[in-house]
Amino acid sequence: MYREHDWSEHIEVSFAYQSQLSGISDTTGHAVVWYQRTVTSQAESEETVLLHFGAVDYGADIWLDGQFIGHH
């Protein structure tokens, strides 16, 4: 389920949130972690756009403009 977030923390990707290098250093367990990223595309409305997620550890639900578009 999509929920609004305040996005008050910022992470240095590609480090896990538990890592000091991530800028978060949170070693507590979390059932779900949300990330937000702004992307732009110059594709035409009928073109297919491929999104590549190189650091998905277990699974990802993907939302675009508040709409669920898929799961990996």
PDB file of N, CA and C in Angstrom:
ATOM      1  N   MET A   1       0.839  -1.177   0.000  1.00  0.00           N
ATOM      2  CA  MET A   1       0.000   0.000   0.000  1.00  0.00           C
ATOM      3  C   MET A   1       0.879   1.233   0.000  1.00  0.00           C
ATOM      4  N   TYR A   2       0.587   2.158  -0.873  1.00  0.00           N
ATOM      5  CA  TYR A   2       1.331   3.411  -0.973  1.00  0.00           C
ATOM      6  C   TYR A   2       0.904   4.343   0.144  1.00  0.00           C
ATOM      7  N   ARG A   3       1.881   4.915   0.823  1.00  0.00           N
ATOM      8  CA  ARG A   3       1.590   5.895   1.871  1.00  0.00           C
ATOM      9  C   ARG A   3       2.488   7.092   1.679  1.00  0.00           C
ATOM     10  N   GLU A   4       1.993   8.258   2.036  1.00  0.00           N
ATOM     11  CA  GLU A   4       2.816   9.460   1.991  1.00  0.00           C
ATOM     12  C   GLU A   4       3.869   9.383   3.081  1.00  0.00           C
ATOM     13  N   HIS A   5       5.057   9.885   2.803  1.00  0.00           N
ATOM     14  CA  HIS A   5       6.160   9.879   3.754  1.00  0.00           C
ATOM     15  C   HIS A   5       6.765  11.269   3.807  1.00  0.00           C
ATOM     16  N   ASP A   6       7.415  11.567   4.913  1.00  0.00           N
ATOM     17  CA  ASP A   6       8.073  12.867   4.996  1.00  0.00           C
ATOM     18  C   ASP A   6       9.486  12.830   4.424  1.00  0.00           C
ATOM     19  N   TRP A   7      10.020  11.620   4.168  1.00  0.00           N
ATOM     20  CA  TRP A   7      11.337  11.453   3.567  1.00  0.00           C
ATOM     21  C   TRP A   7      12.389  12.294   4.285  1.00  0.00           C
ATOM     22  N   SER A   8      12.366  12.261   5.622  1.00  0.00           N
ATOM     23  CA  SER A   8      13.247  13.105   6.431  1.00  0.00           C
ATOM     24  C   SER A   8      14.689  12.615   6.456  1.00  0.00           C
ATOM     25  N   GLU A   9      14.932  11.354   6.105  1.00  0.00           N
ATOM     26  CA  GLU A   9      16.299  10.847   6.088  1.00  0.00           C
ATOM     27  C   GLU A   9      16.766  10.664   4.651  1.00  0.00           C
ATOM     28  N   HIS A  10      18.051  10.835   4.455  1.00  0.00           N
ATOM     29  CA  HIS A  10      18.634  10.682   3.123  1.00  0.00           C
ATOM     30  C   HIS A  10      19.703   9.613   3.188  1.00  0.00           C
ATOM     31  N   ILE A  11      19.722   8.733   2.205  1.00  0.00           N
ATOM     32  CA  ILE A  11      20.669   7.621   2.184  1.00  0.00           C
ATOM     33  C   ILE A  11      21.648   7.800   1.029  1.00  0.00           C
ATOM     34  N   GLU A  12      22.865   7.412   1.283  1.00  0.00           N
ATOM     35  CA  GLU A  12      23.879   7.372   0.229  1.00  0.00           C
ATOM     36  C   GLU A  12      23.805   5.985  -0.402  1.00  0.00           C
ATOM     37  N   VAL A  13      23.261   5.927  -1.600  1.00  0.00           N
ATOM     38  CA  VAL A  13      23.127   4.655  -2.307  1.00  0.00           C
ATOM     39  C   VAL A  13      24.477   4.355  -2.931  1.00  0.00           C
ATOM     40  N   SER A  14      25.019   3.260  -2.869  1.00  0.00           N
ATOM     41  CA  SER A  14      24.476   1.942  -2.747  1.00  0.00           C
ATOM     42  C   SER A  14      24.853   1.261  -1.442  1.00  0.00           C
ATOM     43  N   PHE A  15      24.752   1.944  -0.357  1.00  0.00           N
ATOM     44  CA  PHE A  15      25.067   1.366   0.943  1.00  0.00           C
ATOM     45  C   PHE A  15      23.776   1.013   1.678  1.00  0.00           C
ATOM     46  N   ALA A  16      23.800  -0.094   2.420  1.00  0.00           N
ATOM     47  CA  ALA A  16      22.653  -0.483   3.234  1.00  0.00           C
ATOM     48  C   ALA A  16      22.440   0.543   4.343  1.00  0.00           C
ATOM     49  N   TYR A  17      21.195   0.742   4.750  1.00  0.00           N
ATOM     50  CA  TYR A  17      20.895   1.756   5.766  1.00  0.00           C
ATOM     51  C   TYR A  17      21.616   1.480   7.079  1.00  0.00           C
ATOM     52  N   GLN A  18      22.002   0.230   7.316  1.00  0.00           N
ATOM     53  CA  GLN A  18      22.709  -0.118   8.555  1.00  0.00           C
ATOM     54  C   GLN A  18      24.161   0.378   8.533  1.00  0.00           C
ATOM     55  N   SER A  19      24.698   0.612   7.377  1.00  0.00           N
ATOM     56  CA  SER A  19      26.101   0.993   7.210  1.00  0.00           C
ATOM     57  C   SER A  19      26.320   2.463   7.565  1.00  0.00           C
ATOM     58  N   GLN A  20      27.458   2.741   8.166  1.00  0.00           N
ATOM     59  CA  GLN A  20      27.827   4.133   8.457  1.00  0.00           C
ATOM     60  C   GLN A  20      27.983   4.924   7.150  1.00  0.00           C
ATOM     61  N   LEU A  21      28.461   4.257   6.108  1.00  0.00           N
ATOM     62  CA  LEU A  21      28.654   4.927   4.820  1.00  0.00           C
ATOM     63  C   LEU A  21      27.339   5.367   4.172  1.00  0.00           C
ATOM     64  N   SER A  22      26.219   4.770   4.609  1.00  0.00           N
ATOM     65  CA  SER A  22      24.918   5.156   4.054  1.00  0.00           C
ATOM     66  C   SER A  22      24.487   6.533   4.526  1.00  0.00           C
ATOM     67  N   GLY A  23      25.081   6.984   5.645  1.00  0.00           N
ATOM     68  CA  GLY A  23      24.668   8.250   6.234  1.00  0.00           C
ATOM     69  C   GLY A  23      23.537   8.089   7.232  1.00  0.00           C
ATOM     70  N   ILE A  24      23.025   6.857   7.400  1.00  0.00           N
ATOM     71  CA  ILE A  24      21.928   6.610   8.324  1.00  0.00           C
ATOM     72  C   ILE A  24      22.411   5.850   9.555  1.00  0.00           C
ATOM     73  N   SER A  25      23.159   4.783   9.371  1.00  0.00           N
ATOM     74  CA  SER A  25      23.735   3.985  10.469  1.00  0.00           C
ATOM     75  C   SER A  25      22.687   3.470  11.452  1.00  0.00           C
ATOM     76  N   ASP A  26      21.566   3.006  10.947  1.00  0.00           N
ATOM     77  CA  ASP A  26      20.490   2.486  11.790  1.00  0.00           C
ATOM     78  C   ASP A  26      20.602   0.972  11.830  1.00  0.00           C
ATOM     79  N   THR A  27      21.009   0.412  12.968  1.00  0.00           N
ATOM     80  CA  THR A  27      21.205  -1.036  13.068  1.00  0.00           C
ATOM     81  C   THR A  27      19.980  -1.770  13.612  1.00  0.00           C
ATOM     82  N   THR A  28      18.880  -1.060  13.826  1.00  0.00           N
ATOM     83  CA  THR A  28      17.654  -1.730  14.262  1.00  0.00           C
ATOM     84  C   THR A  28      16.997  -2.415  13.063  1.00  0.00           C
ATOM     85  N   GLY A  29      16.215  -3.451  13.349  1.00  0.00           N
ATOM     86  CA  GLY A  29      15.541  -4.172  12.279  1.00  0.00           C
ATOM     87  C   GLY A  29      14.313  -3.432  11.766  1.00  0.00           C
ATOM     88  N   HIS A  30      14.046  -3.561  10.500  1.00  0.00           N
ATOM     89  CA  HIS A  30      12.863  -2.952   9.873  1.00  0.00           C
ATOM     90  C   HIS A  30      12.236  -3.980   8.944  1.00  0.00           C
ATOM     91  N   ALA A  31      10.943  -4.190   9.059  1.00  0.00           N
ATOM     92  CA  ALA A  31      10.243  -5.122   8.170  1.00  0.00           C
ATOM     93  C   ALA A  31      10.160  -4.569   6.757  1.00  0.00           C
ATOM     94  N   VAL A  32      10.064  -3.253   6.636  1.00  0.00           N
ATOM     95  CA  VAL A  32       9.937  -2.592   5.334  1.00  0.00           C
ATOM     96  C   VAL A  32      10.781  -1.330   5.354  1.00  0.00           C
ATOM     97  N   VAL A  33      11.468  -1.086   4.273  1.00  0.00           N
ATOM     98  CA  VAL A  33      12.233   0.151   4.105  1.00  0.00           C
ATOM     99  C   VAL A  33      11.784   0.790   2.798  1.00  0.00           C
ATOM    100  N   TRP A  34      11.454   2.066   2.839  1.00  0.00           N
ATOM    101  CA  TRP A  34      11.003   2.787   1.662  1.00  0.00           C
ATOM    102  C   TRP A  34      12.126   3.668   1.137  1.00  0.00           C
ATOM    103  N   TYR A  35      12.279   3.681  -0.171  1.00  0.00           N
ATOM    104  CA  TYR A  35      13.206   4.587  -0.837  1.00  0.00           C
ATOM    105  C   TYR A  35      12.423   5.371  -1.869  1.00  0.00           C
ATOM    106  N   GLN A  36      12.815   6.598  -2.055  1.00  0.00           N
ATOM    107  CA  GLN A  36      12.200   7.424  -3.094  1.00  0.00           C
ATOM    108  C   GLN A  36      13.306   7.941  -3.991  1.00  0.00           C
ATOM    109  N   ARG A  37      13.048   7.927  -5.273  1.00  0.00           N
ATOM    110  CA  ARG A  37      14.030   8.416  -6.225  1.00  0.00           C
ATOM    111  C   ARG A  37      13.290   9.149  -7.331  1.00  0.00           C
ATOM    112  N   THR A  38      13.811  10.274  -7.744  1.00  0.00           N
ATOM    113  CA  THR A  38      13.237  11.022  -8.857  1.00  0.00           C
ATOM    114  C   THR A  38      13.936  10.591 -10.139  1.00  0.00           C
ATOM    115  N   VAL A  39      13.155  10.235 -11.123  1.00  0.00           N
ATOM    116  CA  VAL A  39      13.700   9.858 -12.427  1.00  0.00           C
ATOM    117  C   VAL A  39      13.021  10.687 -13.501  1.00  0.00           C
ATOM    118  N   THR A  40      13.726  10.889 -14.583  1.00  0.00           N
ATOM    119  CA  THR A  40      13.144  11.575 -15.735  1.00  0.00           C
ATOM    120  C   THR A  40      13.347  10.701 -16.965  1.00  0.00           C
ATOM    121  N   SER A  41      12.462  10.826 -17.908  1.00  0.00           N
ATOM    122  CA  SER A  41      12.537  10.052 -19.133  1.00  0.00           C
ATOM    123  C   SER A  41      12.137  10.940 -20.296  1.00  0.00           C
ATOM    124  N   GLN A  42      12.797  10.724 -21.411  1.00  0.00           N
ATOM    125  CA  GLN A  42      12.441  11.451 -22.626  1.00  0.00           C
ATOM    126  C   GLN A  42      11.644  10.554 -23.579  1.00  0.00           C
ATOM    127  N   ALA A  43      11.150   9.434 -23.050  1.00  0.00           N
ATOM    128  CA  ALA A  43      10.383   8.498 -23.877  1.00  0.00           C
ATOM    129  C   ALA A  43       9.042   9.107 -24.260  1.00  0.00           C
ATOM    130  N   GLU A  44       8.585   8.735 -25.432  1.00  0.00           N
ATOM    131  CA  GLU A  44       7.254   9.141 -25.870  1.00  0.00           C
ATOM    132  C   GLU A  44       6.224   8.338 -25.085  1.00  0.00           C
ATOM    133  N   SER A  45       4.989   8.780 -25.067  1.00  0.00           N
ATOM    134  CA  SER A  45       3.961   8.161 -24.237  1.00  0.00           C
ATOM    135  C   SER A  45       3.719   6.691 -24.560  1.00  0.00           C
ATOM    136  N   GLU A  46       3.961   6.230 -25.766  1.00  0.00           N
ATOM    137  CA  GLU A  46       3.717   4.838 -26.140  1.00  0.00           C
ATOM    138  C   GLU A  46       4.975   3.974 -26.046  1.00  0.00           C
ATOM    139  N   GLU A  47       6.120   4.559 -25.715  1.00  0.00           N
ATOM    140  CA  GLU A  47       7.356   3.795 -25.635  1.00  0.00           C
ATOM    141  C   GLU A  47       7.466   3.076 -24.286  1.00  0.00           C
ATOM    142  N   THR A  48       8.143   1.953 -24.292  1.00  0.00           N
ATOM    143  CA  THR A  48       8.412   1.207 -23.074  1.00  0.00           C
ATOM    144  C   THR A  48       9.688   1.733 -22.437  1.00  0.00           C
ATOM    145  N   VAL A  49       9.656   1.912 -21.127  1.00  0.00           N
ATOM    146  CA  VAL A  49      10.836   2.367 -20.387  1.00  0.00           C
ATOM    147  C   VAL A  49      11.238   1.248 -19.440  1.00  0.00           C
ATOM    148  N   LEU A  50      12.494   0.853 -19.472  1.00  0.00           N
ATOM    149  CA  LEU A  50      13.015  -0.199 -18.616  1.00  0.00           C
ATOM    150  C   LEU A  50      13.698   0.435 -17.415  1.00  0.00           C
ATOM    151  N   LEU A  51      13.235   0.074 -16.216  1.00  0.00           N
ATOM    152  CA  LEU A  51      13.863   0.524 -14.979  1.00  0.00           C
ATOM    153  C   LEU A  51      14.716  -0.614 -14.449  1.00  0.00           C
ATOM    154  N   HIS A  52      15.954  -0.339 -14.121  1.00  0.00           N
ATOM    155  CA  HIS A  52      16.860  -1.363 -13.607  1.00  0.00           C
ATOM    156  C   HIS A  52      17.142  -1.074 -12.140  1.00  0.00           C
ATOM    157  N   PHE A  53      16.866  -2.063 -11.274  1.00  0.00           N
ATOM    158  CA  PHE A  53      17.114  -1.936  -9.843  1.00  0.00           C
ATOM    159  C   PHE A  53      18.268  -2.861  -9.496  1.00  0.00           C
ATOM    160  N   GLY A  54      19.430  -2.294  -9.276  1.00  0.00           N
ATOM    161  CA  GLY A  54      20.619  -3.095  -9.076  1.00  0.00           C
ATOM    162  C   GLY A  54      20.892  -3.486  -7.643  1.00  0.00           C
ATOM    163  N   ALA A  55      20.127  -3.000  -6.690  1.00  0.00           N
ATOM    164  CA  ALA A  55      20.444  -3.271  -5.290  1.00  0.00           C
ATOM    165  C   ALA A  55      19.238  -3.764  -4.506  1.00  0.00           C
ATOM    166  N   VAL A  56      18.289  -4.399  -5.163  1.00  0.00           N
ATOM    167  CA  VAL A  56      17.132  -4.942  -4.459  1.00  0.00           C
ATOM    168  C   VAL A  56      17.573  -6.218  -3.751  1.00  0.00           C
ATOM    169  N   ASP A  57      17.480  -6.216  -2.431  1.00  0.00           N
ATOM    170  CA  ASP A  57      17.970  -7.337  -1.637  1.00  0.00           C
ATOM    171  C   ASP A  57      17.003  -8.513  -1.651  1.00  0.00           C
ATOM    172  N   TYR A  58      15.726  -8.253  -1.498  1.00  0.00           N
ATOM    173  CA  TYR A  58      14.760  -9.327  -1.379  1.00  0.00           C
ATOM    174  C   TYR A  58      13.589  -9.128  -2.338  1.00  0.00           C
ATOM    175  N   GLY A  59      12.937  -8.008  -2.242  1.00  0.00           N
ATOM    176  CA  GLY A  59      11.785  -7.729  -3.083  1.00  0.00           C
ATOM    177  C   GLY A  59      11.535  -6.239  -3.138  1.00  0.00           C
ATOM    178  N   ALA A  60      10.829  -5.824  -4.149  1.00  0.00           N
ATOM    179  CA  ALA A  60      10.521  -4.401  -4.278  1.00  0.00           C
ATOM    180  C   ALA A  60       9.137  -4.233  -4.880  1.00  0.00           C
ATOM    181  N   ASP A  61       8.342  -3.369  -4.287  1.00  0.00           N
ATOM    182  CA  ASP A  61       7.088  -2.926  -4.883  1.00  0.00           C
ATOM    183  C   ASP A  61       7.381  -1.569  -5.489  1.00  0.00           C
ATOM    184  N   ILE A  62       7.042  -1.388  -6.746  1.00  0.00           N
ATOM    185  CA  ILE A  62       7.409  -0.184  -7.482  1.00  0.00           C
ATOM    186  C   ILE A  62       6.170   0.683  -7.681  1.00  0.00           C
ATOM    187  N   TRP A  63       6.320   1.960  -7.322  1.00  0.00           N
ATOM    188  CA  TRP A  63       5.255   2.936  -7.457  1.00  0.00           C
ATOM    189  C   TRP A  63       5.754   4.062  -8.353  1.00  0.00           C
ATOM    190  N   LEU A  64       4.908   4.558  -9.221  1.00  0.00           N
ATOM    191  CA  LEU A  64       5.244   5.680 -10.093  1.00  0.00           C
ATOM    192  C   LEU A  64       4.113   6.682 -10.033  1.00  0.00           C
ATOM    193  N   ASP A  65       4.439   7.878  -9.603  1.00  0.00           N
ATOM    194  CA  ASP A  65       3.425   8.937  -9.447  1.00  0.00           C
ATOM    195  C   ASP A  65       2.238   8.477  -8.611  1.00  0.00           C
ATOM    196  N   GLY A  66       2.522   7.723  -7.535  1.00  0.00           N
ATOM    197  CA  GLY A  66       1.473   7.276  -6.626  1.00  0.00           C
ATOM    198  C   GLY A  66       0.699   6.055  -7.075  1.00  0.00           C
ATOM    199  N   GLN A  67       1.074   5.474  -8.225  1.00  0.00           N
ATOM    200  CA  GLN A  67       0.387   4.312  -8.765  1.00  0.00           C
ATOM    201  C   GLN A  67       1.309   3.101  -8.701  1.00  0.00           C
ATOM    202  N   PHE A  68       0.794   1.980  -8.172  1.00  0.00           N
ATOM    203  CA  PHE A  68       1.554   0.748  -8.133  1.00  0.00           C
ATOM    204  C   PHE A  68       1.739   0.239  -9.558  1.00  0.00           C
ATOM    205  N   ILE A  69       3.003  -0.040  -9.960  1.00  0.00           N
ATOM    206  CA  ILE A  69       3.226  -0.511 -11.332  1.00  0.00           C
ATOM    207  C   ILE A  69       3.864  -1.897 -11.389  1.00  0.00           C
ATOM    208  N   GLY A  70       4.301  -2.444 -10.248  1.00  0.00           N
ATOM    209  CA  GLY A  70       4.847  -3.786 -10.327  1.00  0.00           C
ATOM    210  C   GLY A  70       5.616  -4.201  -9.098  1.00  0.00           C
ATOM    211  N   HIS A  71       6.011  -5.479  -9.093  1.00  0.00           N
ATOM    212  CA  HIS A  71       6.744  -6.072  -7.979  1.00  0.00           C
ATOM    213  C   HIS A  71       7.904  -6.889  -8.541  1.00  0.00           C
ATOM    214  N   HIS A  72       9.021  -6.836  -7.846  1.00  0.00           N
ATOM    215  CA  HIS A  72      10.163  -7.678  -8.229  1.00  0.00           C
ATOM    216  C   HIS A  72      10.520  -8.541  -7.039  1.00  0.00           C
TER     217      HIS A  72
END
